[in-house]
PDB file of N, CA and C in Angstrom:
ATOM      1  N   MET A   1       0.833  -1.182   0.000  1.00  0.00           N
ATOM      2  CA  MET A   1       0.000   0.000   0.000  1.00  0.00           C
ATOM      3  C   MET A   1       0.877   1.245   0.000  1.00  0.00           C
ATOM      4  N   LEU A   2       0.440   2.240  -0.721  1.00  0.00           N
ATOM      5  CA  LEU A   2       1.106   3.531  -0.735  1.00  0.00           C
ATOM      6  C   LEU A   2       0.311   4.470   0.158  1.00  0.00           C
ATOM      7  N   ARG A   3       0.969   5.064   1.125  1.00  0.00           N
ATOM      8  CA  ARG A   3       0.303   6.013   2.016  1.00  0.00           C
ATOM      9  C   ARG A   3       0.516   7.428   1.495  1.00  0.00           C
ATOM     10  N   VAL A   4      -0.574   8.137   1.313  1.00  0.00           N
ATOM     11  CA  VAL A   4      -0.538   9.524   0.881  1.00  0.00           C
ATOM     12  C   VAL A   4      -0.955  10.358   2.089  1.00  0.00           C
ATOM     13  N   TRP A   5      -0.007  11.089   2.639  1.00  0.00           N
ATOM     14  CA  TRP A   5      -0.265  11.815   3.879  1.00  0.00           C
ATOM     15  C   TRP A   5      -0.910  13.167   3.631  1.00  0.00           C
ATOM     16  N   GLU A   6      -0.585  13.806   2.526  1.00  0.00           N
ATOM     17  CA  GLU A   6      -1.137  15.122   2.238  1.00  0.00           C
ATOM     18  C   GLU A   6      -1.996  15.040   0.993  1.00  0.00           C
ATOM     19  N   GLY A   7      -3.095  15.736   1.008  1.00  0.00           N
ATOM     20  CA  GLY A   7      -3.984  15.718  -0.140  1.00  0.00           C
ATOM     21  C   GLY A   7      -5.189  16.586   0.116  1.00  0.00           C
ATOM     22  N   LYS A   8      -6.253  16.300  -0.608  1.00  0.00           N
ATOM     23  CA  LYS A   8      -7.465  17.105  -0.496  1.00  0.00           C
ATOM     24  C   LYS A   8      -8.161  16.927   0.840  1.00  0.00           C
ATOM     25  N   SER A   9      -8.032  15.764   1.428  1.00  0.00           N
ATOM     26  CA  SER A   9      -8.728  15.514   2.695  1.00  0.00           C
ATOM     27  C   SER A   9      -7.798  14.780   3.652  1.00  0.00           C
ATOM     28  N   LYS A  10      -8.262  13.719   4.230  1.00  0.00           N
ATOM     29  CA  LYS A  10      -7.483  12.966   5.208  1.00  0.00           C
ATOM     30  C   LYS A  10      -6.437  12.086   4.513  1.00  0.00           C
ATOM     31  N   PRO A  11      -5.444  11.622   5.266  1.00  0.00           N
ATOM     32  CA  PRO A  11      -4.479  10.677   4.690  1.00  0.00           C
ATOM     33  C   PRO A  11      -5.197   9.430   4.160  1.00  0.00           C
ATOM     34  N   ARG A  12      -4.642   8.835   3.113  1.00  0.00           N
ATOM     35  CA  ARG A  12      -5.284   7.660   2.525  1.00  0.00           C
ATOM     36  C   ARG A  12      -4.232   6.658   2.074  1.00  0.00           C
ATOM     37  N   GLU A  13      -4.676   5.460   1.786  1.00  0.00           N
ATOM     38  CA  GLU A  13      -3.805   4.401   1.275  1.00  0.00           C
ATOM     39  C   GLU A  13      -4.359   3.913  -0.051  1.00  0.00           C
ATOM     40  N   THR A  14      -3.460   3.578  -0.952  1.00  0.00           N
ATOM     41  CA  THR A  14      -3.873   3.043  -2.240  1.00  0.00           C
ATOM     42  C   THR A  14      -2.979   1.859  -2.584  1.00  0.00           C
ATOM     43  N   PRO A  15      -3.539   0.824  -3.181  1.00  0.00           N
ATOM     44  CA  PRO A  15      -2.708  -0.340  -3.524  1.00  0.00           C
ATOM     45  C   PRO A  15      -1.743  -0.017  -4.670  1.00  0.00           C
ATOM     46  N   VAL A  16      -0.539  -0.527  -4.570  1.00  0.00           N
ATOM     47  CA  VAL A  16       0.454  -0.417  -5.640  1.00  0.00           C
ATOM     48  C   VAL A  16       1.124  -1.785  -5.791  1.00  0.00           C
ATOM     49  N   PRO A  17       1.639  -2.067  -6.983  1.00  0.00           N
ATOM     50  CA  PRO A  17       2.361  -3.337  -7.162  1.00  0.00           C
ATOM     51  C   PRO A  17       3.554  -3.414  -6.207  1.00  0.00           C
ATOM     52  N   SER A  18       3.877  -4.609  -5.777  1.00  0.00           N
ATOM     53  CA  SER A  18       4.952  -4.778  -4.792  1.00  0.00           C
ATOM     54  C   SER A  18       6.291  -4.267  -5.311  1.00  0.00           C
ATOM     55  N   ASN A  19       6.557  -4.385  -6.617  1.00  0.00           N
ATOM     56  CA  ASN A  19       7.834  -3.884  -7.138  1.00  0.00           C
ATOM     57  C   ASN A  19       7.909  -2.358  -7.064  1.00  0.00           C
ATOM     58  N   VAL A  20       6.776  -1.674  -7.207  1.00  0.00           N
ATOM     59  CA  VAL A  20       6.759  -0.213  -7.071  1.00  0.00           C
ATOM     60  C   VAL A  20       7.013   0.170  -5.612  1.00  0.00           C
ATOM     61  N   ALA A  21       6.370  -0.518  -4.691  1.00  0.00           N
ATOM     62  CA  ALA A  21       6.583  -0.251  -3.267  1.00  0.00           C
ATOM     63  C   ALA A  21       8.048  -0.471  -2.885  1.00  0.00           C
ATOM     64  N   THR A  22       8.652  -1.526  -3.404  1.00  0.00           N
ATOM     65  CA  THR A  22      10.065  -1.803  -3.121  1.00  0.00           C
ATOM     66  C   THR A  22      10.950  -0.701  -3.678  1.00  0.00           C
ATOM     67  N   THR A  23      10.658  -0.246  -4.882  1.00  0.00           N
ATOM     68  CA  THR A  23      11.451   0.827  -5.493  1.00  0.00           C
ATOM     69  C   THR A  23      11.350   2.104  -4.670  1.00  0.00           C
ATOM     70  N   VAL A  24      10.152   2.458  -4.237  1.00  0.00           N
ATOM     71  CA  VAL A  24       9.964   3.664  -3.436  1.00  0.00           C
ATOM     72  C   VAL A  24      10.748   3.562  -2.132  1.00  0.00           C
ATOM     73  N   ARG A  25      10.678   2.430  -1.471  1.00  0.00           N
ATOM     74  CA  ARG A  25      11.425   2.251  -0.211  1.00  0.00           C
ATOM     75  C   ARG A  25      12.937   2.317  -0.443  1.00  0.00           C
ATOM     76  N   THR A  26      13.398   1.741  -1.544  1.00  0.00           N
ATOM     77  CA  THR A  26      14.829   1.755  -1.856  1.00  0.00           C
ATOM     78  C   THR A  26      15.306   3.174  -2.109  1.00  0.00           C
ATOM     79  N   VAL A  27      14.560   3.929  -2.885  1.00  0.00           N
ATOM     80  CA  VAL A  27      14.922   5.328  -3.141  1.00  0.00           C
ATOM     81  C   VAL A  27      14.983   6.093  -1.825  1.00  0.00           C
ATOM     82  N   ASP A  28      14.003   5.879  -0.968  1.00  0.00           N
ATOM     83  CA  ASP A  28      13.971   6.566   0.322  1.00  0.00           C
ATOM     84  C   ASP A  28      15.179   6.202   1.177  1.00  0.00           C
ATOM     85  N   ASP A  29      15.587   4.940   1.140  1.00  0.00           N
ATOM     86  CA  ASP A  29      16.734   4.496   1.938  1.00  0.00           C
ATOM     87  C   ASP A  29      18.048   5.132   1.481  1.00  0.00           C
ATOM     88  N   TYR A  30      18.195   5.395   0.182  1.00  0.00           N
ATOM     89  CA  TYR A  30      19.469   5.839  -0.355  1.00  0.00           C
ATOM     90  C   TYR A  30      19.598   7.339  -0.571  1.00  0.00           C
ATOM     91  N   ARG A  31      18.531   8.070  -0.503  1.00  0.00           N
ATOM     92  CA  ARG A  31      18.654   9.505  -0.746  1.00  0.00           C
ATOM     93  C   ARG A  31      19.030  10.235   0.535  1.00  0.00           C
ATOM     94  N   ASP A  32      19.573  11.426   0.378  1.00  0.00           N
ATOM     95  CA  ASP A  32      20.077  12.191   1.514  1.00  0.00           C
ATOM     96  C   ASP A  32      18.981  12.924   2.286  1.00  0.00           C
ATOM     97  N   GLU A  33      17.865  13.240   1.633  1.00  0.00           N
ATOM     98  CA  GLU A  33      16.796  13.998   2.281  1.00  0.00           C
ATOM     99  C   GLU A  33      16.005  13.125   3.243  1.00  0.00           C
ATOM    100  N   ASP A  34      15.302  13.780   4.154  1.00  0.00           N
ATOM    101  CA  ASP A  34      14.418  13.073   5.072  1.00  0.00           C
ATOM    102  C   ASP A  34      13.251  12.461   4.300  1.00  0.00           C
ATOM    103  N   SER A  35      12.620  11.472   4.887  1.00  0.00           N
ATOM    104  CA  SER A  35      11.505  10.777   4.236  1.00  0.00           C
ATOM    105  C   SER A  35      10.310  11.675   3.970  1.00  0.00           C
ATOM    106  N   ASP A  36      10.170  12.744   4.751  1.00  0.00           N
ATOM    107  CA  ASP A  36       9.007  13.610   4.548  1.00  0.00           C
ATOM    108  C   ASP A  36       9.224  14.677   3.474  1.00  0.00           C
ATOM    109  N   ILE A  37      10.400  14.715   2.871  1.00  0.00           N
ATOM    110  CA  ILE A  37      10.672  15.631   1.756  1.00  0.00           C
ATOM    111  C   ILE A  37      10.288  14.919   0.463  1.00  0.00           C
ATOM    112  N   PRO A  38       9.447  15.551  -0.366  1.00  0.00           N
ATOM    113  CA  PRO A  38       9.016  14.880  -1.603  1.00  0.00           C
ATOM    114  C   PRO A  38      10.193  14.536  -2.525  1.00  0.00           C
ATOM    115  N   VAL A  39      10.101  13.403  -3.185  1.00  0.00           N
ATOM    116  CA  VAL A  39      11.105  13.014  -4.179  1.00  0.00           C
ATOM    117  C   VAL A  39      10.957  13.910  -5.401  1.00  0.00           C
ATOM    118  N   VAL A  40       9.729  14.159  -5.811  1.00  0.00           N
ATOM    119  CA  VAL A  40       9.426  15.052  -6.925  1.00  0.00           C
ATOM    120  C   VAL A  40       8.539  16.157  -6.359  1.00  0.00           C
ATOM    121  N   ASP A  41       9.099  17.346  -6.254  1.00  0.00           N
ATOM    122  CA  ASP A  41       8.372  18.451  -5.636  1.00  0.00           C
ATOM    123  C   ASP A  41       7.682  19.291  -6.713  1.00  0.00           C
ATOM    124  N   LYS A  42       6.690  18.696  -7.342  1.00  0.00           N
ATOM    125  CA  LYS A  42       5.901  19.350  -8.390  1.00  0.00           C
ATOM    126  C   LYS A  42       4.429  19.119  -8.119  1.00  0.00           C
ATOM    127  N   SER A  43       3.601  19.955  -8.702  1.00  0.00           N
ATOM    128  CA  SER A  43       2.162  19.815  -8.501  1.00  0.00           C
ATOM    129  C   SER A  43       1.621  18.603  -9.249  1.00  0.00           C
ATOM    130  N   THR A  44       0.438  18.171  -8.842  1.00  0.00           N
ATOM    131  CA  THR A  44      -0.233  17.066  -9.533  1.00  0.00           C
ATOM    132  C   THR A  44      -0.446  17.426 -10.996  1.00  0.00           C
ATOM    133  N   ARG A  45      -0.825  18.661 -11.265  1.00  0.00           N
ATOM    134  CA  ARG A  45      -1.053  19.104 -12.644  1.00  0.00           C
ATOM    135  C   ARG A  45       0.216  18.960 -13.490  1.00  0.00           C
ATOM    136  N   THR A  46       1.369  19.363 -12.940  1.00  0.00           N
ATOM    137  CA  THR A  46       2.636  19.238 -13.664  1.00  0.00           C
ATOM    138  C   THR A  46       2.966  17.776 -13.933  1.00  0.00           C
ATOM    139  N   LEU A  47       2.803  16.918 -12.943  1.00  0.00           N
ATOM    140  CA  LEU A  47       3.081  15.493 -13.131  1.00  0.00           C
ATOM    141  C   LEU A  47       2.178  14.904 -14.214  1.00  0.00           C
ATOM    142  N   ARG A  48       0.910  15.274 -14.213  1.00  0.00           N
ATOM    143  CA  ARG A  48      -0.008  14.766 -15.246  1.00  0.00           C
ATOM    144  C   ARG A  48       0.402  15.235 -16.628  1.00  0.00           C
ATOM    145  N   ARG A  49       0.836  16.492 -16.750  1.00  0.00           N
ATOM    146  CA  ARG A  49       1.305  16.990 -18.054  1.00  0.00           C
ATOM    147  C   ARG A  49       2.514  16.190 -18.528  1.00  0.00           C
ATOM    148  N   TRP A  50       3.453  15.931 -17.614  1.00  0.00           N
ATOM    149  CA  TRP A  50       4.641  15.161 -17.974  1.00  0.00           C
ATOM    150  C   TRP A  50       4.247  13.763 -18.457  1.00  0.00           C
ATOM    151  N   ILE A  51       3.354  13.131 -17.720  1.00  0.00           N
ATOM    152  CA  ILE A  51       2.919  11.781 -18.083  1.00  0.00           C
ATOM    153  C   ILE A  51       2.201  11.792 -19.427  1.00  0.00           C
ATOM    154  N   ASP A  52       1.352  12.779 -19.655  1.00  0.00           N
ATOM    155  CA  ASP A  52       0.660  12.893 -20.944  1.00  0.00           C
ATOM    156  C   ASP A  52       1.646  13.052 -22.089  1.00  0.00           C
ATOM    157  N   ARG A  53       2.667  13.892 -21.902  1.00  0.00           N
ATOM    158  CA  ARG A  53       3.678  14.098 -22.956  1.00  0.00           C
ATOM    159  C   ARG A  53       4.421  12.800 -23.270  1.00  0.00           C
ATOM    160  N   VAL A  54       4.812  12.086 -22.234  1.00  0.00           N
ATOM    161  CA  VAL A  54       5.520  10.820 -22.445  1.00  0.00           C
ATOM    162  C   VAL A  54       4.610   9.834 -23.176  1.00  0.00           C
ATOM    163  N   GLY A  55       3.355   9.763 -22.764  1.00  0.00           N
ATOM    164  CA  GLY A  55       2.402   8.882 -23.439  1.00  0.00           C
ATOM    165  C   GLY A  55       2.233   9.238 -24.908  1.00  0.00           C
ATOM    166  N   ASP A  56       2.133  10.539 -25.196  1.00  0.00           N
ATOM    167  CA  ASP A  56       2.018  10.984 -26.585  1.00  0.00           C
ATOM    168  C   ASP A  56       3.264  10.632 -27.387  1.00  0.00           C
ATOM    169  N   ASP A  57       4.436  10.834 -26.788  1.00  0.00           N
ATOM    170  CA  ASP A  57       5.691  10.505 -27.472  1.00  0.00           C
ATOM    171  C   ASP A  57       5.769   9.005 -27.763  1.00  0.00           C
ATOM    172  N   LEU A  58       5.401   8.184 -26.808  1.00  0.00           N
ATOM    173  CA  LEU A  58       5.440   6.734 -27.012  1.00  0.00           C
ATOM    174  C   LEU A  58       4.427   6.302 -28.079  1.00  0.00           C
ATOM    175  N   ALA A  59       3.269   6.923 -28.091  1.00  0.00           N
ATOM    176  CA  ALA A  59       2.250   6.593 -29.092  1.00  0.00           C
ATOM    177  C   ALA A  59       2.739   6.942 -30.497  1.00  0.00           C
ATOM    178  N   GLU A  60       3.457   8.033 -30.634  1.00  0.00           N
ATOM    179  CA  GLU A  60       4.001   8.434 -31.935  1.00  0.00           C
ATOM    180  C   GLU A  60       5.042   7.448 -32.432  1.00  0.00           C
ATOM    181  N   ARG A  61       5.795   6.879 -31.511  1.00  0.00           N
ATOM    182  CA  ARG A  61       6.844   5.929 -31.883  1.00  0.00           C
ATOM    183  C   ARG A  61       6.261   4.579 -32.318  1.00  0.00           C
ATOM    184  N   GLY A  62       5.015   4.349 -31.903  1.00  0.00           N
ATOM    185  CA  GLY A  62       4.319   3.158 -32.342  1.00  0.00           C
ATOM    186  C   GLY A  62       4.598   1.942 -31.572  1.00  0.00           C
TER     187      GLY A  62
END
């Protein structure tokens, strides 16, 4: 489960694949910042734009 502490309302949990959870924990273990500092400090809107662009680029490549 991925715990989201900050958001529109109360903290929540969402299921994620075990390999994603392992990757997140590994990144947290090896980075210099505290666990409460975001890995990617961007808005949800910015992240969605980035993901949309990557999806469009991959679709063009076929």
